[in-house]
Each structure stands twice: as C-alpha cells, then as structure tokens.
Amino acid sequence: MINPDEIAKDQLRSIIERIERLEEEKKALSEDIKEVYAEAKGNGYDTKVLRKVVSIRKQDRDERQEQEAILDLYLQALGIN
C-alpha cells in the first residue's frame, strides 16, 4: 500500500527542486542581462536611458500615453516644462 505521507513528501521535494532550478536560471539570466548592459556601456550607451527604453517598451501604447500625459501635467505644475 502507498503511504500518503510519502506521496506528499515526494511532491513537496519535487516542487522545491523545481523552484530551486528556476531560481538558478533566474540568477544566470540576471547575470547575462548585466553583461549586456556592461557591453552597451562600453560602447558608449547610457545604461539608465537603456533601462528606461526597455521599461517603456514593456508598456502598451495607451498606458505609456497616459503616463506621459501625467508626467507633462506634473512638469507644467512645477514650471519645469
């Protein structure tokens, strides 16, 4: 007869191992991204601006336009724009 506790332990172990593998992959990807930014910096690109461009590209058009409108409003209110 199969012990239910043993099944739960095996399932839990499997879940933990999957999470650990994914965390390792995430760390490796993070290091790869850092290397690309370092390469870009070495080629004269501003990494802060590159990060902003990546962030903007993640947004959909409507969301981006809304944020730009709010930013313009705030800048006008502060007399910056």
PDB file of N, CA and C in Angstrom:
ATOM      1  N   MET A   1       0.840  -1.184   0.000  1.00  0.00           N
ATOM      2  CA  MET A   1       0.000   0.000   0.000  1.00  0.00           C
ATOM      3  C   MET A   1       0.888   1.251   0.000  1.00  0.00           C
ATOM      4  N   ILE A   2       0.484   2.261  -0.757  1.00  0.00           N
ATOM      5  CA  ILE A   2       1.234   3.512  -0.853  1.00  0.00           C
ATOM      6  C   ILE A   2       0.908   4.394   0.342  1.00  0.00           C
ATOM      7  N   ASN A   3       1.937   4.914   0.956  1.00  0.00           N
ATOM      8  CA  ASN A   3       1.792   5.782   2.120  1.00  0.00           C
ATOM      9  C   ASN A   3       1.507   7.207   1.644  1.00  0.00           C
ATOM     10  N   PRO A   4       0.352   7.814   2.031  1.00  0.00           N
ATOM     11  CA  PRO A   4       0.025   9.183   1.608  1.00  0.00           C
ATOM     12  C   PRO A   4       1.063  10.212   2.043  1.00  0.00           C
ATOM     13  N   ASP A   5       1.682   9.994   3.207  1.00  0.00           N
ATOM     14  CA  ASP A   5       2.711  10.922   3.681  1.00  0.00           C
ATOM     15  C   ASP A   5       3.919  10.920   2.750  1.00  0.00           C
ATOM     16  N   GLU A   6       4.239   9.723   2.231  1.00  0.00           N
ATOM     17  CA  GLU A   6       5.378   9.596   1.325  1.00  0.00           C
ATOM     18  C   GLU A   6       5.089  10.321   0.013  1.00  0.00           C
ATOM     19  N   ILE A   7       3.853  10.247  -0.470  1.00  0.00           N
ATOM     20  CA  ILE A   7       3.465  10.949  -1.697  1.00  0.00           C
ATOM     21  C   ILE A   7       3.583  12.451  -1.482  1.00  0.00           C
ATOM     22  N   ALA A   8       3.104  12.958  -0.362  1.00  0.00           N
ATOM     23  CA  ALA A   8       3.176  14.387  -0.066  1.00  0.00           C
ATOM     24  C   ALA A   8       4.625  14.839   0.035  1.00  0.00           C
ATOM     25  N   LYS A   9       5.478  14.030   0.645  1.00  0.00           N
ATOM     26  CA  LYS A   9       6.894  14.374   0.768  1.00  0.00           C
ATOM     27  C   LYS A   9       7.550  14.438  -0.607  1.00  0.00           C
ATOM     28  N   ASP A  10       7.241  13.462  -1.454  1.00  0.00           N
ATOM     29  CA  ASP A  10       7.809  13.434  -2.801  1.00  0.00           C
ATOM     30  C   ASP A  10       7.345  14.636  -3.615  1.00  0.00           C
ATOM     31  N   GLN A  11       6.075  14.959  -3.497  1.00  0.00           N
ATOM     32  CA  GLN A  11       5.535  16.104  -4.229  1.00  0.00           C
ATOM     33  C   GLN A  11       6.173  17.404  -3.740  1.00  0.00           C
ATOM     34  N   LEU A  12       6.295  17.557  -2.443  1.00  0.00           N
ATOM     35  CA  LEU A  12       6.914  18.744  -1.872  1.00  0.00           C
ATOM     36  C   LEU A  12       8.375  18.860  -2.312  1.00  0.00           C
ATOM     37  N   ARG A  13       9.105  17.757  -2.263  1.00  0.00           N
ATOM     38  CA  ARG A  13      10.501  17.742  -2.688  1.00  0.00           C
ATOM     39  C   ARG A  13      10.616  18.152  -4.158  1.00  0.00           C
ATOM     40  N   SER A  14       9.721  17.633  -4.978  1.00  0.00           N
ATOM     41  CA  SER A  14       9.716  17.965  -6.405  1.00  0.00           C
ATOM     42  C   SER A  14       9.455  19.452  -6.628  1.00  0.00           C
ATOM     43  N   ILE A  15       8.513  19.998  -5.905  1.00  0.00           N
ATOM     44  CA  ILE A  15       8.190  21.423  -6.032  1.00  0.00           C
ATOM     45  C   ILE A  15       9.384  22.276  -5.617  1.00  0.00           C
ATOM     46  N   ILE A  16       9.992  21.950  -4.496  1.00  0.00           N
ATOM     47  CA  ILE A  16      11.152  22.702  -4.004  1.00  0.00           C
ATOM     48  C   ILE A  16      12.300  22.628  -4.999  1.00  0.00           C
ATOM     49  N   GLU A  17      12.557  21.461  -5.551  1.00  0.00           N
ATOM     50  CA  GLU A  17      13.642  21.306  -6.515  1.00  0.00           C
ATOM     51  C   GLU A  17      13.380  22.111  -7.786  1.00  0.00           C
ATOM     52  N   ARG A  18      12.127  22.144  -8.230  1.00  0.00           N
ATOM     53  CA  ARG A  18      11.781  22.951  -9.407  1.00  0.00           C
ATOM     54  C   ARG A  18      12.000  24.430  -9.136  1.00  0.00           C
ATOM     55  N   ILE A  19      11.588  24.878  -7.957  1.00  0.00           N
ATOM     56  CA  ILE A  19      11.780  26.285  -7.590  1.00  0.00           C
ATOM     57  C   ILE A  19      13.267  26.611  -7.547  1.00  0.00           C
ATOM     58  N   GLU A  20      14.052  25.726  -6.965  1.00  0.00           N
ATOM     59  CA  GLU A  20      15.497  25.954  -6.882  1.00  0.00           C
ATOM     60  C   GLU A  20      16.126  26.037  -8.269  1.00  0.00           C
ATOM     61  N   ARG A  21      15.719  25.165  -9.188  1.00  0.00           N
ATOM     62  CA  ARG A  21      16.245  25.213 -10.562  1.00  0.00           C
ATOM     63  C   ARG A  21      15.880  26.524 -11.231  1.00  0.00           C
ATOM     64  N   LEU A  22      14.626  26.942 -11.062  1.00  0.00           N
ATOM     65  CA  LEU A  22      14.184  28.201 -11.668  1.00  0.00           C
ATOM     66  C   LEU A  22      14.930  29.400 -11.076  1.00  0.00           C
ATOM     67  N   GLU A  23      15.180  29.368  -9.772  1.00  0.00           N
ATOM     68  CA  GLU A  23      15.956  30.442  -9.143  1.00  0.00           C
ATOM     69  C   GLU A  23      17.367  30.501  -9.722  1.00  0.00           C
ATOM     70  N   GLU A  24      17.972  29.342  -9.963  1.00  0.00           N
ATOM     71  CA  GLU A  24      19.299  29.300 -10.570  1.00  0.00           C
ATOM     72  C   GLU A  24      19.266  29.881 -11.981  1.00  0.00           C
ATOM     73  N   GLU A  25      18.232  29.519 -12.740  1.00  0.00           N
ATOM     74  CA  GLU A  25      18.092  30.051 -14.100  1.00  0.00           C
ATOM     75  C   GLU A  25      17.894  31.564 -14.068  1.00  0.00           C
ATOM     76  N   LYS A  26      17.094  32.027 -13.114  1.00  0.00           N
ATOM     77  CA  LYS A  26      16.844  33.465 -12.979  1.00  0.00           C
ATOM     78  C   LYS A  26      18.143  34.205 -12.667  1.00  0.00           C
ATOM     79  N   LYS A  27      18.957  33.630 -11.794  1.00  0.00           N
ATOM     80  CA  LYS A  27      20.237  34.248 -11.444  1.00  0.00           C
ATOM     81  C   LYS A  27      21.149  34.307 -12.664  1.00  0.00           C
ATOM     82  N   ALA A  28      21.182  33.236 -13.435  1.00  0.00           N
ATOM     83  CA  ALA A  28      22.016  33.204 -14.636  1.00  0.00           C
ATOM     84  C   ALA A  28      21.534  34.241 -15.649  1.00  0.00           C
ATOM     85  N   LEU A  29      20.226  34.355 -15.829  1.00  0.00           N
ATOM     86  CA  LEU A  29      19.683  35.352 -16.753  1.00  0.00           C
ATOM     87  C   LEU A  29      19.996  36.761 -16.285  1.00  0.00           C
ATOM     88  N   SER A  30      19.906  36.982 -14.994  1.00  0.00           N
ATOM     89  CA  SER A  30      20.219  38.294 -14.433  1.00  0.00           C
ATOM     90  C   SER A  30      21.676  38.665 -14.719  1.00  0.00           C
ATOM     91  N   GLU A  31      22.568  37.711 -14.575  1.00  0.00           N
ATOM     92  CA  GLU A  31      23.979  37.946 -14.871  1.00  0.00           C
ATOM     93  C   GLU A  31      24.170  38.251 -16.359  1.00  0.00           C
ATOM     94  N   ASP A  32      23.448  37.541 -17.218  1.00  0.00           N
ATOM     95  CA  ASP A  32      23.529  37.788 -18.662  1.00  0.00           C
ATOM     96  C   ASP A  32      23.070  39.205 -18.997  1.00  0.00           C
ATOM     97  N   ILE A  33      21.999  39.633 -18.362  1.00  0.00           N
ATOM     98  CA  ILE A  33      21.484  40.985 -18.603  1.00  0.00           C
ATOM     99  C   ILE A  33      22.502  42.026 -18.153  1.00  0.00           C
ATOM    100  N   LYS A  34      23.121  41.810 -16.995  1.00  0.00           N
ATOM    101  CA  LYS A  34      24.155  42.735 -16.511  1.00  0.00           C
ATOM    102  C   LYS A  34      25.303  42.831 -17.516  1.00  0.00           C
ATOM    103  N   GLU A  35      25.683  41.699 -18.092  1.00  0.00           N
ATOM    104  CA  GLU A  35      26.763  41.689 -19.068  1.00  0.00           C
ATOM    105  C   GLU A  35      26.389  42.493 -20.313  1.00  0.00           C
ATOM    106  N   VAL A  36      25.145  42.388 -20.751  1.00  0.00           N
ATOM    107  CA  VAL A  36      24.704  43.138 -21.929  1.00  0.00           C
ATOM    108  C   VAL A  36      24.722  44.632 -21.637  1.00  0.00           C
ATOM    109  N   TYR A  37      24.263  45.029 -20.453  1.00  0.00           N
ATOM    110  CA  TYR A  37      24.316  46.448 -20.082  1.00  0.00           C
ATOM    111  C   TYR A  37      25.772  46.934 -19.992  1.00  0.00           C
ATOM    112  N   ALA A  38      26.651  46.094 -19.464  1.00  0.00           N
ATOM    113  CA  ALA A  38      28.068  46.472 -19.388  1.00  0.00           C
ATOM    114  C   ALA A  38      28.651  46.634 -20.787  1.00  0.00           C
ATOM    115  N   GLU A  39      28.270  45.754 -21.691  1.00  0.00           N
ATOM    116  CA  GLU A  39      28.721  45.861 -23.081  1.00  0.00           C
ATOM    117  C   GLU A  39      28.216  47.160 -23.704  1.00  0.00           C
ATOM    118  N   ALA A  40      26.939  47.452 -23.462  1.00  0.00           N
ATOM    119  CA  ALA A  40      26.348  48.678 -24.003  1.00  0.00           C
ATOM    120  C   ALA A  40      27.076  49.899 -23.450  1.00  0.00           C
ATOM    121  N   LYS A  41      27.360  49.880 -22.158  1.00  0.00           N
ATOM    122  CA  LYS A  41      28.086  50.992 -21.536  1.00  0.00           C
ATOM    123  C   LYS A  41      29.472  51.137 -22.158  1.00  0.00           C
ATOM    124  N   GLY A  42      30.120  50.018 -22.411  1.00  0.00           N
ATOM    125  CA  GLY A  42      31.432  50.034 -23.035  1.00  0.00           C
ATOM    126  C   GLY A  42      31.403  50.598 -24.449  1.00  0.00           C
ATOM    127  N   ASN A  43      30.244  50.515 -25.081  1.00  0.00           N
ATOM    128  CA  ASN A  43      30.072  51.058 -26.429  1.00  0.00           C
ATOM    129  C   ASN A  43      29.541  52.489 -26.411  1.00  0.00           C
ATOM    130  N   GLY A  44      29.476  53.080 -25.218  1.00  0.00           N
ATOM    131  CA  GLY A  44      29.103  54.483 -25.112  1.00  0.00           C
ATOM    132  C   GLY A  44      27.629  54.765 -24.878  1.00  0.00           C
ATOM    133  N   TYR A  45      26.824  53.731 -24.667  1.00  0.00           N
ATOM    134  CA  TYR A  45      25.400  53.959 -24.408  1.00  0.00           C
ATOM    135  C   TYR A  45      25.168  54.265 -22.934  1.00  0.00           C
ATOM    136  N   ASP A  46      24.171  55.092 -22.673  1.00  0.00           N
ATOM    137  CA  ASP A  46      23.775  55.439 -21.311  1.00  0.00           C
ATOM    138  C   ASP A  46      22.852  54.333 -20.798  1.00  0.00           C
ATOM    139  N   THR A  47      23.293  53.584 -19.795  1.00  0.00           N
ATOM    140  CA  THR A  47      22.521  52.431 -19.339  1.00  0.00           C
ATOM    141  C   THR A  47      21.224  52.826 -18.637  1.00  0.00           C
ATOM    142  N   LYS A  48      21.207  54.002 -17.993  1.00  0.00           N
ATOM    143  CA  LYS A  48      19.953  54.460 -17.374  1.00  0.00           C
ATOM    144  C   LYS A  48      18.888  54.672 -18.441  1.00  0.00           C
ATOM    145  N   VAL A  49      19.300  55.268 -19.553  1.00  0.00           N
ATOM    146  CA  VAL A  49      18.353  55.509 -20.645  1.00  0.00           C
ATOM    147  C   VAL A  49      17.935  54.182 -21.273  1.00  0.00           C
ATOM    148  N   LEU A  50      18.873  53.263 -21.432  1.00  0.00           N
ATOM    149  CA  LEU A  50      18.520  51.950 -21.990  1.00  0.00           C
ATOM    150  C   LEU A  50      17.497  51.239 -21.106  1.00  0.00           C
ATOM    151  N   ARG A  51      17.686  51.310 -19.788  1.00  0.00           N
ATOM    152  CA  ARG A  51      16.732  50.683 -18.877  1.00  0.00           C
ATOM    153  C   ARG A  51      15.349  51.324 -19.008  1.00  0.00           C
ATOM    154  N   LYS A  52      15.336  52.647 -19.184  1.00  0.00           N
ATOM    155  CA  LYS A  52      14.066  53.351 -19.367  1.00  0.00           C
ATOM    156  C   LYS A  52      13.392  52.912 -20.666  1.00  0.00           C
ATOM    157  N   VAL A  53      14.173  52.781 -21.736  1.00  0.00           N
ATOM    158  CA  VAL A  53      13.625  52.340 -23.017  1.00  0.00           C
ATOM    159  C   VAL A  53      13.028  50.940 -22.888  1.00  0.00           C
ATOM    160  N   VAL A  54      13.732  50.051 -22.217  1.00  0.00           N
ATOM    161  CA  VAL A  54      13.228  48.690 -22.006  1.00  0.00           C
ATOM    162  C   VAL A  54      11.918  48.745 -21.217  1.00  0.00           C
ATOM    163  N   SER A  55      11.879  49.580 -20.189  1.00  0.00           N
ATOM    164  CA  SER A  55      10.671  49.732 -19.380  1.00  0.00           C
ATOM    165  C   SER A  55       9.501  50.257 -20.213  1.00  0.00           C
ATOM    166  N   ILE A  56       9.774  51.247 -21.046  1.00  0.00           N
ATOM    167  CA  ILE A  56       8.721  51.832 -21.888  1.00  0.00           C
ATOM    168  C   ILE A  56       8.209  50.803 -22.885  1.00  0.00           C
ATOM    169  N   ARG A  57       9.100  50.021 -23.454  1.00  0.00           N
ATOM    170  CA  ARG A  57       8.691  49.024 -24.449  1.00  0.00           C
ATOM    171  C   ARG A  57       7.818  47.930 -23.857  1.00  0.00           C
ATOM    172  N   LYS A  58       7.893  47.729 -22.546  1.00  0.00           N
ATOM    173  CA  LYS A  58       7.054  46.732 -21.883  1.00  0.00           C
ATOM    174  C   LYS A  58       5.607  47.196 -21.767  1.00  0.00           C
ATOM    175  N   GLN A  59       5.398  48.499 -21.793  1.00  0.00           N
ATOM    176  CA  GLN A  59       4.063  49.063 -21.616  1.00  0.00           C
ATOM    177  C   GLN A  59       3.289  49.026 -22.930  1.00  0.00           C
ATOM    178  N   ASP A  60       1.977  48.934 -22.821  1.00  0.00           N
ATOM    179  CA  ASP A  60       1.200  49.073 -24.045  1.00  0.00           C
ATOM    180  C   ASP A  60       1.055  50.568 -24.354  1.00  0.00           C
ATOM    181  N   ARG A  61       0.652  50.867 -25.562  1.00  0.00           N
ATOM    182  CA  ARG A  61       0.624  52.243 -26.058  1.00  0.00           C
ATOM    183  C   ARG A  61      -0.246  53.152 -25.191  1.00  0.00           C
ATOM    184  N   ASP A  62      -1.423  52.688 -24.816  1.00  0.00           N
ATOM    185  CA  ASP A  62      -2.339  53.509 -24.023  1.00  0.00           C
ATOM    186  C   ASP A  62      -1.757  53.819 -22.648  1.00  0.00           C
ATOM    187  N   GLU A  63      -1.184  52.824 -22.026  1.00  0.00           N
ATOM    188  CA  GLU A  63      -0.585  53.023 -20.703  1.00  0.00           C
ATOM    189  C   GLU A  63       0.560  54.036 -20.790  1.00  0.00           C
ATOM    190  N   ARG A  64       1.386  53.898 -21.819  1.00  0.00           N
ATOM    191  CA  ARG A  64       2.522  54.804 -21.999  1.00  0.00           C
ATOM    192  C   ARG A  64       2.041  56.239 -22.228  1.00  0.00           C
ATOM    193  N   GLN A  65       1.022  56.404 -23.067  1.00  0.00           N
ATOM    194  CA  GLN A  65       0.498  57.743 -23.347  1.00  0.00           C
ATOM    195  C   GLN A  65      -0.098  58.373 -22.093  1.00  0.00           C
ATOM    196  N   GLU A  66      -0.776  57.565 -21.284  1.00  0.00           N
ATOM    197  CA  GLU A  66      -1.355  58.072 -20.041  1.00  0.00           C
ATOM    198  C   GLU A  66      -0.255  58.548 -19.095  1.00  0.00           C
ATOM    199  N   GLN A  67       0.799  57.768 -18.953  1.00  0.00           N
ATOM    200  CA  GLN A  67       1.900  58.161 -18.074  1.00  0.00           C
ATOM    201  C   GLN A  67       2.599  59.416 -18.585  1.00  0.00           C
ATOM    202  N   GLU A  68       2.777  59.517 -19.896  1.00  0.00           N
ATOM    203  CA  GLU A  68       3.405  60.705 -20.472  1.00  0.00           C
ATOM    204  C   GLU A  68       2.552  61.947 -20.226  1.00  0.00           C
ATOM    205  N   ALA A  69       1.229  61.806 -20.340  1.00  0.00           N
ATOM    206  CA  ALA A  69       0.325  62.926 -20.105  1.00  0.00           C
ATOM    207  C   ALA A  69       0.393  63.387 -18.646  1.00  0.00           C
ATOM    208  N   ILE A  70       0.424  62.423 -17.729  1.00  0.00           N
ATOM    209  CA  ILE A  70       0.510  62.757 -16.302  1.00  0.00           C
ATOM    210  C   ILE A  70       1.849  63.421 -16.004  1.00  0.00           C
ATOM    211  N   LEU A  71       2.924  62.895 -16.585  1.00  0.00           N
ATOM    212  CA  LEU A  71       4.245  63.492 -16.396  1.00  0.00           C
ATOM    213  C   LEU A  71       4.257  64.933 -16.897  1.00  0.00           C
ATOM    214  N   ASP A  72       3.712  65.168 -18.083  1.00  0.00           N
ATOM    215  CA  ASP A  72       3.639  66.536 -18.621  1.00  0.00           C
ATOM    216  C   ASP A  72       2.853  67.453 -17.691  1.00  0.00           C
ATOM    217  N   LEU A  73       1.746  66.944 -17.154  1.00  0.00           N
ATOM    218  CA  LEU A  73       0.922  67.731 -16.240  1.00  0.00           C
ATOM    219  C   LEU A  73       1.718  68.112 -14.990  1.00  0.00           C
ATOM    220  N   TYR A  74       2.423  67.138 -14.423  1.00  0.00           N
ATOM    221  CA  TYR A  74       3.220  67.403 -13.224  1.00  0.00           C
ATOM    222  C   TYR A  74       4.333  68.402 -13.517  1.00  0.00           C
ATOM    223  N   LEU A  75       5.013  68.235 -14.660  1.00  0.00           N
ATOM    224  CA  LEU A  75       6.097  69.146 -15.013  1.00  0.00           C
ATOM    225  C   LEU A  75       5.572  70.564 -15.222  1.00  0.00           C
ATOM    226  N   GLN A  76       4.430  70.689 -15.850  1.00  0.00           N
ATOM    227  CA  GLN A  76       3.817  72.015 -16.036  1.00  0.00           C
ATOM    228  C   GLN A  76       3.460  72.631 -14.691  1.00  0.00           C
ATOM    229  N   ALA A  77       2.916  71.843 -13.793  1.00  0.00           N
ATOM    230  CA  ALA A  77       2.527  72.330 -12.486  1.00  0.00           C
ATOM    231  C   ALA A  77       3.754  72.837 -11.705  1.00  0.00           C
ATOM    232  N   LEU A  78       4.898  72.241 -11.959  1.00  0.00           N
ATOM    233  CA  LEU A  78       6.133  72.660 -11.290  1.00  0.00           C
ATOM    234  C   LEU A  78       6.898  73.715 -12.062  1.00  0.00           C
ATOM    235  N   GLY A  79       6.367  74.097 -13.232  1.00  0.00           N
ATOM    236  CA  GLY A  79       7.011  75.105 -14.045  1.00  0.00           C
ATOM    237  C   GLY A  79       8.296  74.620 -14.707  1.00  0.00           C
ATOM    238  N   ILE A  80       8.409  73.319 -14.899  1.00  0.00           N
ATOM    239  CA  ILE A  80       9.606  72.740 -15.496  1.00  0.00           C
ATOM    240  C   ILE A  80       9.470  72.620 -16.995  1.00  0.00           C
ATOM    241  N   ASN A  81       8.283  72.449 -17.477  1.00  0.00           N
ATOM    242  CA  ASN A  81       8.048  72.186 -18.887  1.00  0.00           C
ATOM    243  C   ASN A  81       7.712  73.450 -19.642  1.00  0.00           C
TER     244      ASN A  81
END
